[in-house]
C-alpha atoms as a PDB file:
ATOM      1  CA  ALA A   1      -5.836 -32.381   1.752  1.00  0.00           C
ATOM      2  CA  LEU A   2      -2.232 -32.013   2.966  1.00  0.00           C
ATOM      3  CA  GLU A   3      -1.272 -35.416   1.579  1.00  0.00           C
ATOM      4  CA  ALA A   4      -2.877 -34.567  -1.785  1.00  0.00           C
ATOM      5  CA  ALA A   5      -1.013 -31.257  -1.977  1.00  0.00           C
ATOM      6  CA  VAL A   6       2.297 -32.931  -1.108  1.00  0.00           C
ATOM      7  CA  GLU A   7       1.721 -35.596  -3.774  1.00  0.00           C
ATOM      8  CA  ALA A   8       0.896 -32.908  -6.335  1.00  0.00           C
ATOM      9  CA  MET A   9       4.065 -31.043  -5.413  1.00  0.00           C
ATOM     10  CA  ARG A  10       6.157 -34.175  -5.878  1.00  0.00           C
ATOM     11  CA  GLY A  11       4.805 -34.479  -9.406  1.00  0.00           C
ATOM     12  CA  THR A  12       5.372 -30.883 -10.480  1.00  0.00           C
ATOM     13  CA  ASP A  13       8.290 -29.007 -12.016  1.00  0.00           C
ATOM     14  CA  LEU A  14       9.632 -27.316  -8.873  1.00  0.00           C
ATOM     15  CA  GLY A  15      11.934 -24.964 -10.784  1.00  0.00           C
ATOM     16  CA  LEU A  16       9.061 -23.671 -12.903  1.00  0.00           C
ATOM     17  CA  GLN A  17       6.715 -23.262  -9.944  1.00  0.00           C
ATOM     18  CA  ALA A  18       9.413 -21.526  -7.921  1.00  0.00           C
ATOM     19  CA  ALA A  19       9.876 -18.972 -10.718  1.00  0.00           C
ATOM     20  CA  ARG A  20       6.114 -18.427 -10.998  1.00  0.00           C
ATOM     21  CA  ALA A  21       5.604 -18.131  -7.236  1.00  0.00           C
ATOM     22  CA  GLY A  22       8.598 -15.939  -6.378  1.00  0.00           C
ATOM     23  CA  ALA A  23      10.135 -18.822  -4.402  1.00  0.00           C
ATOM     24  CA  LYS A  24      13.702 -20.139  -4.290  1.00  0.00           C
ATOM     25  CA  PRO A  25      14.494 -23.784  -4.974  1.00  0.00           C
ATOM     26  CA  GLY A  26      17.018 -25.394  -2.645  1.00  0.00           C
ATOM     27  CA  VAL A  27      18.226 -28.720  -1.333  1.00  0.00           C
ATOM     28  CA  ASP A  28      15.452 -28.880   1.266  1.00  0.00           C
ATOM     29  CA  GLY A  29      12.616 -27.765  -1.035  1.00  0.00           C
ATOM     30  CA  LEU A  30      11.111 -24.430  -2.025  1.00  0.00           C
ATOM     31  CA  THR A  31      11.652 -21.396   0.196  1.00  0.00           C
ATOM     32  CA  VAL A  32       8.937 -18.769  -0.047  1.00  0.00           C
ATOM     33  CA  PRO A  33       8.145 -15.665   1.996  1.00  0.00           C
ATOM     34  CA  TYR A  34       4.946 -16.143   4.031  1.00  0.00           C
ATOM     35  CA  PHE A  35       3.600 -13.256   6.128  1.00  0.00           C
ATOM     36  CA  GLY A  36       7.051 -11.710   6.398  1.00  0.00           C
ATOM     37  CA  THR A  37       9.078 -14.818   7.216  1.00  0.00           C
ATOM     38  CA  ASP A  38      10.614 -17.486   5.012  1.00  0.00           C
ATOM     39  CA  VAL A  39       9.082 -20.949   5.077  1.00  0.00           C
ATOM     40  CA  VAL A  40      10.399 -24.083   3.400  1.00  0.00           C
ATOM     41  CA  ALA A  41       8.069 -26.512   1.637  1.00  0.00           C
ATOM     42  CA  SER A  42       9.701 -29.912   1.337  1.00  0.00           C
ATOM     43  CA  PRO A  43       8.262 -32.485  -1.069  1.00  0.00           C
ATOM     44  CA  GLU A  44      10.561 -35.059   0.537  1.00  0.00           C
ATOM     45  CA  THR A  45       9.327 -34.687   4.124  1.00  0.00           C
ATOM     46  CA  GLY A  46       5.844 -33.514   3.159  1.00  0.00           C
ATOM     47  CA  ARG A  47       6.031 -30.617   5.614  1.00  0.00           C
ATOM     48  CA  VAL A  48       6.214 -26.826   5.546  1.00  0.00           C
ATOM     49  CA  ILE A  49       8.481 -25.385   8.214  1.00  0.00           C
ATOM     50  CA  THR A  50       9.763 -21.952   9.161  1.00  0.00           C
ATOM     51  CA  GLY A  51      13.135 -21.265   7.609  1.00  0.00           C
ATOM     52  CA  THR A  52      14.667 -19.925  10.813  1.00  0.00           C
ATOM     53  CA  GLY A  53      13.491 -22.114  13.675  1.00  0.00           C
ATOM     54  CA  GLY A  54      12.375 -25.162  11.728  1.00  0.00           C
ATOM     55  CA  LEU A  55       8.943 -25.066  13.363  1.00  0.00           C
ATOM     56  CA  VAL A  56       6.212 -26.978  11.532  1.00  0.00           C
ATOM     57  CA  LEU A  57       3.310 -24.750  10.485  1.00  0.00           C
ATOM     58  CA  PRO A  58      -0.248 -25.717  11.478  1.00  0.00           C
ATOM     59  CA  VAL A  59      -1.770 -28.104   8.927  1.00  0.00           C
ATOM     60  CA  TRP A  60      -4.143 -25.544   7.400  1.00  0.00           C
ATOM     61  CA  GLU A  61      -1.238 -23.147   6.849  1.00  0.00           C
ATOM     62  CA  GLN A  62       0.909 -25.887   5.321  1.00  0.00           C
ATOM     63  CA  ILE A  63      -1.932 -26.603   2.879  1.00  0.00           C
ATOM     64  CA  LEU A  64      -2.226 -22.892   2.104  1.00  0.00           C
ATOM     65  CA  VAL A  65       1.497 -22.560   1.313  1.00  0.00           C
ATOM     66  CA  LEU A  66       1.468 -25.669  -0.877  1.00  0.00           C
ATOM     67  CA  HIS A  67      -1.645 -24.514  -2.737  1.00  0.00           C
ATOM     68  CA  TYR A  68       0.018 -21.162  -3.435  1.00  0.00           C
ATOM     69  CA  LEU A  69       3.164 -22.832  -4.744  1.00  0.00           C
ATOM     70  CA  LEU A  70       1.154 -25.249  -6.894  1.00  0.00           C
ATOM     71  CA  GLY A  71      -1.332 -22.658  -8.130  1.00  0.00           C
ATOM     72  CA  ALA A  72       1.117 -19.905  -9.071  1.00  0.00           C
ATOM     73  CA  ALA A  73       0.788 -19.033 -12.745  1.00  0.00           C
ATOM     74  CA  ASP A  74       2.842 -17.022 -15.213  1.00  0.00           C
ATOM     75  CA  ASN A  75       2.772 -13.238 -14.751  1.00  0.00           C
ATOM     76  CA  LEU A  76       1.006 -13.565 -11.396  1.00  0.00           C
ATOM     77  CA  GLY A  77       2.731 -10.416 -10.123  1.00  0.00           C
ATOM     78  CA  ASP A  78       0.950  -8.327 -12.778  1.00  0.00           C
ATOM     79  CA  ASP A  79      -2.284  -8.533 -10.775  1.00  0.00           C
ATOM     80  CA  VAL A  80      -1.151  -7.479  -7.285  1.00  0.00           C
ATOM     81  CA  ASP A  81      -2.317  -3.850  -7.547  1.00  0.00           C
ATOM     82  CA  GLU A  82      -5.953  -4.487  -8.464  1.00  0.00           C
ATOM     83  CA  TRP A  83      -8.223  -5.066  -5.463  1.00  0.00           C
ATOM     84  CA  LEU A  84     -11.285  -7.308  -5.162  1.00  0.00           C
ATOM     85  CA  ALA A  85     -13.723  -8.008  -2.360  1.00  0.00           C
ATOM     86  CA  PHE A  86     -13.952 -11.638  -1.256  1.00  0.00           C
ATOM     87  CA  ARG A  87     -17.264 -12.155  -3.095  1.00  0.00           C
ATOM     88  CA  GLU A  88     -15.585 -11.065  -6.361  1.00  0.00           C
ATOM     89  CA  LEU A  89     -13.036 -13.891  -6.249  1.00  0.00           C
ATOM     90  CA  PRO A  90     -13.855 -16.941  -8.395  1.00  0.00           C
ATOM     91  CA  GLU A  91     -16.457 -19.216  -6.736  1.00  0.00           C
ATOM     92  CA  ALA A  92     -16.509 -17.050  -3.577  1.00  0.00           C
ATOM     93  CA  ALA A  93     -19.955 -15.411  -3.725  1.00  0.00           C
ATOM     94  CA  PHE A  94     -21.652 -18.421  -2.118  1.00  0.00           C
ATOM     95  CA  TYR A  95     -19.356 -18.179   0.937  1.00  0.00           C
ATOM     96  CA  ASP A  96     -19.501 -14.389   1.303  1.00  0.00           C
ATOM     97  CA  SER A  97     -22.014 -14.256   4.171  1.00  0.00           C
ATOM     98  CA  ALA A  98     -20.028 -16.743   6.257  1.00  0.00           C
ATOM     99  CA  PHE A  99     -16.784 -14.934   5.385  1.00  0.00           C
ATOM    100  CA  ARG A 100     -18.123 -11.589   6.585  1.00  0.00           C
ATOM    101  CA  GLN A 101     -19.335 -13.179   9.810  1.00  0.00           C
ATOM    102  CA  GLN A 102     -16.054 -14.988  10.500  1.00  0.00           C
ATOM    103  CA  VAL A 103     -13.574 -12.313   9.412  1.00  0.00           C
ATOM    104  CA  ASN A 104     -15.108  -8.873   8.854  1.00  0.00           C
ATOM    105  CA  GLN A 105     -17.291  -8.901  11.969  1.00  0.00           C
ATOM    106  CA  PRO A 106     -14.534  -9.800  14.478  1.00  0.00           C
ATOM    107  CA  LEU A 107     -12.247  -7.245  12.827  1.00  0.00           C
ATOM    108  CA  ALA A 108     -14.885  -4.498  13.221  1.00  0.00           C
ATOM    109  CA  GLU A 109     -15.708  -5.553  16.778  1.00  0.00           C
ATOM    110  CA  ARG A 110     -12.075  -5.424  17.894  1.00  0.00           C
ATOM    111  CA  PHE A 111     -10.863  -2.306  16.095  1.00  0.00           C
ATOM    112  CA  GLY A 112     -14.013  -0.329  15.233  1.00  0.00           C
ATOM    113  CA  GLU A 113     -13.889   1.773  18.387  1.00  0.00           C
ATOM    114  CA  ALA A 114     -10.130   2.303  18.150  1.00  0.00           C
ATOM    115  CA  PRO A 115      -8.849   2.013  14.554  1.00  0.00           C
ATOM    116  CA  ALA A 116      -5.510   3.446  15.682  1.00  0.00           C
ATOM    117  CA  ARG A 117      -4.815   0.135  17.447  1.00  0.00           C
ATOM    118  CA  LEU A 118      -4.940  -1.660  14.099  1.00  0.00           C
ATOM    119  CA  GLN A 119      -2.737   0.962  12.466  1.00  0.00           C
ATOM    120  CA  ALA A 120      -0.263   0.635  15.347  1.00  0.00           C
ATOM    121  CA  LEU A 121       0.506  -2.879  14.086  1.00  0.00           C
ATOM    122  CA  GLU A 122       1.851  -1.502  10.812  1.00  0.00           C
ATOM    123  CA  GLY A 123       5.273  -2.955  10.032  1.00  0.00           C
ATOM    124  CA  GLN A 124       4.647  -6.292  11.716  1.00  0.00           C
ATOM    125  CA  TRP A 125       4.590  -9.154   9.180  1.00  0.00           C
ATOM    126  CA  ASP A 126       5.999  -6.630   6.653  1.00  0.00           C
ATOM    127  CA  THR A 127       2.648  -4.820   6.508  1.00  0.00           C
ATOM    128  CA  LYS A 128       2.204  -1.359   5.054  1.00  0.00           C
ATOM    129  CA  ARG A 129      -0.415   1.340   5.498  1.00  0.00           C
ATOM    130  CA  GLY A 130      -3.395   1.007   3.185  1.00  0.00           C
ATOM    131  CA  GLU A 131      -5.191   3.881   1.489  1.00  0.00           C
ATOM    132  CA  GLN A 132      -8.799   3.348   2.590  1.00  0.00           C
ATOM    133  CA  GLY A 133     -10.612   3.284   5.905  1.00  0.00           C
ATOM    134  CA  ASP A 134      -9.808   4.905   9.215  1.00  0.00           C
ATOM    135  CA  ALA A 135      -7.141   2.217   9.541  1.00  0.00           C
ATOM    136  CA  SER A 136      -5.815  -0.212   6.975  1.00  0.00           C
ATOM    137  CA  LEU A 137      -3.020  -2.771   6.860  1.00  0.00           C
ATOM    138  CA  VAL A 138      -1.777  -4.273   3.599  1.00  0.00           C
ATOM    139  CA  PHE A 139      -0.185  -7.698   3.913  1.00  0.00           C
ATOM    140  CA  ALA A 140       2.013  -9.460   1.356  1.00  0.00           C
ATOM    141  CA  PRO A 141       1.354 -13.001   2.629  1.00  0.00           C
ATOM    142  CA  PHE A 142       3.052 -14.413  -0.477  1.00  0.00           C
ATOM    143  CA  PRO A 143       5.293 -12.724  -3.061  1.00  0.00           C
ATOM    144  CA  HIS A 144       2.472 -12.279  -5.594  1.00  0.00           C
ATOM    145  CA  VAL A 145      -0.550 -11.972  -3.290  1.00  0.00           C
ATOM    146  CA  ARG A 146      -1.775  -8.940  -1.349  1.00  0.00           C
ATOM    147  CA  LEU A 147      -4.475  -8.739   1.316  1.00  0.00           C
ATOM    148  CA  ALA A 148      -5.820  -5.595   3.004  1.00  0.00           C
ATOM    149  CA  LEU A 149      -7.647  -5.354   6.328  1.00  0.00           C
ATOM    150  CA  GLN A 150      -9.685  -2.144   6.536  1.00  0.00           C
ATOM    151  CA  VAL A 151     -11.632  -0.630   9.438  1.00  0.00           C
ATOM    152  CA  TRP A 152     -14.013   2.322   9.631  1.00  0.00           C
ATOM    153  CA  ALA A 153     -14.836   3.688  13.074  1.00  0.00           C
ATOM    154  CA  GLY A 154     -18.410   3.619  14.301  1.00  0.00           C
ATOM    155  CA  ASP A 155     -20.331   6.600  15.617  1.00  0.00           C
ATOM    156  CA  ASP A 156     -23.782   7.413  16.998  1.00  0.00           C
ATOM    157  CA  ASP A 157     -25.407   6.896  13.603  1.00  0.00           C
ATOM    158  CA  PHE A 158     -23.442   4.053  12.056  1.00  0.00           C
ATOM    159  CA  PRO A 159     -21.802   0.942  13.501  1.00  0.00           C
ATOM    160  CA  ALA A 160     -18.144   0.229  12.905  1.00  0.00           C
ATOM    161  CA  GLU A 161     -17.364  -1.559   9.653  1.00  0.00           C
ATOM    162  CA  ALA A 162     -14.520  -3.697   8.414  1.00  0.00           C
ATOM    163  CA  ASN A 163     -13.599  -5.055   5.032  1.00  0.00           C
ATOM    164  CA  VAL A 164     -11.022  -7.406   3.581  1.00  0.00           C
ATOM    165  CA  LEU A 165      -9.694  -6.938   0.066  1.00  0.00           C
ATOM    166  CA  PHE A 166      -7.582  -9.298  -2.016  1.00  0.00           C
ATOM    167  CA  SER A 167      -5.317  -8.628  -4.965  1.00  0.00           C
ATOM    168  CA  ARG A 168      -6.742 -10.016  -8.218  1.00  0.00           C
ATOM    169  CA  SER A 169      -3.753 -12.380  -8.276  1.00  0.00           C
ATOM    170  CA  THR A 170      -5.250 -14.213  -5.272  1.00  0.00           C
ATOM    171  CA  GLY A 171      -8.024 -15.654  -7.404  1.00  0.00           C
ATOM    172  CA  ARG A 172      -5.509 -16.812 -10.002  1.00  0.00           C
ATOM    173  CA  CYS A 173      -3.545 -19.013  -7.602  1.00  0.00           C
ATOM    174  CA  LEU A 174      -5.817 -19.831  -4.643  1.00  0.00           C
ATOM    175  CA  THR A 175      -9.355 -21.159  -4.296  1.00  0.00           C
ATOM    176  CA  ALA A 176     -12.050 -19.196  -2.470  1.00  0.00           C
ATOM    177  CA  GLU A 177     -11.581 -21.517   0.503  1.00  0.00           C
ATOM    178  CA  ASP A 178      -7.838 -20.832   0.497  1.00  0.00           C
ATOM    179  CA  ALA A 179      -8.483 -17.072   0.314  1.00  0.00           C
ATOM    180  CA  ALA A 180     -10.779 -17.334   3.345  1.00  0.00           C
ATOM    181  CA  VAL A 181      -8.073 -19.214   5.262  1.00  0.00           C
ATOM    182  CA  LEU A 182      -5.529 -16.572   4.231  1.00  0.00           C
ATOM    183  CA  ALA A 183      -7.751 -13.807   5.622  1.00  0.00           C
ATOM    184  CA  ASP A 184      -8.324 -15.818   8.796  1.00  0.00           C
ATOM    185  CA  VAL A 185      -4.552 -16.167   9.285  1.00  0.00           C
ATOM    186  CA  ALA A 186      -4.143 -12.381   8.917  1.00  0.00           C
ATOM    187  CA  LEU A 187      -7.038 -11.774  11.315  1.00  0.00           C
ATOM    188  CA  ARG A 188      -5.581 -14.140  13.927  1.00  0.00           C
ATOM    189  CA  ARG A 189      -2.264 -12.335  13.719  1.00  0.00           C
ATOM    190  CA  VAL A 190      -3.718  -8.873  14.347  1.00  0.00           C
ATOM    191  CA  LEU A 191      -6.081 -10.077  17.081  1.00  0.00           C
ATOM    192  CA  SER A 192      -3.215 -11.853  18.825  1.00  0.00           C
ATOM    193  CA  ALA A 193      -0.833  -8.867  18.529  1.00  0.00           C
ATOM    194  CA  ASP A 194      -3.407  -6.270  19.618  1.00  0.00           C
ATOM    195  CA  ARG A 195      -3.003  -5.289  23.262  1.00  0.00           C
ATOM    196  CA  PRO A 196      -5.985  -3.183  24.313  1.00  0.00           C
ATOM    197  CA  GLU A 197      -5.393  -1.055  27.370  1.00  0.00           C
ATOM    198  CA  SER A 198      -7.188  -2.458  30.399  1.00  0.00           C
END
């Protein structure tokens, strides 16, 4: 999949895709913000690296960045303020049960008893406070894509719940599989950064 995405990038108009994606063309490739840090996608080397340290991203994240750059369409930024559940994204309904098990459930298990711990991560990865839930973080993983992690605390009558929302623009530039990977990347970040008191 990485090789196919690199080949597709080599055959595309990089200037046009940069403008659509909110990226900057340069000598080394396209630079695009990704979870709050610049990454550089190089058609020449076939790699996506961090702009500061030059570290190569994991393969699945390289594929994600390339798919965003290739899939960006005109006026993509117009759809960043309208929210959809995962199942509402194109072709995603079939994967919804697995998505909830792999993303929503771990999010609820970790933060459902202490939503404030999720909210305490606000600001990392350029996140902002969301409007719903007992705690909510809104990510801008790419310039024209938004993702929200939401948690509702459990009580004696109801278990904790979590939800993940995507901007409508997500479905215009990424596949359902890519959207699931994007949510997994956000989940891994918050789980890794969370430091429960022992």
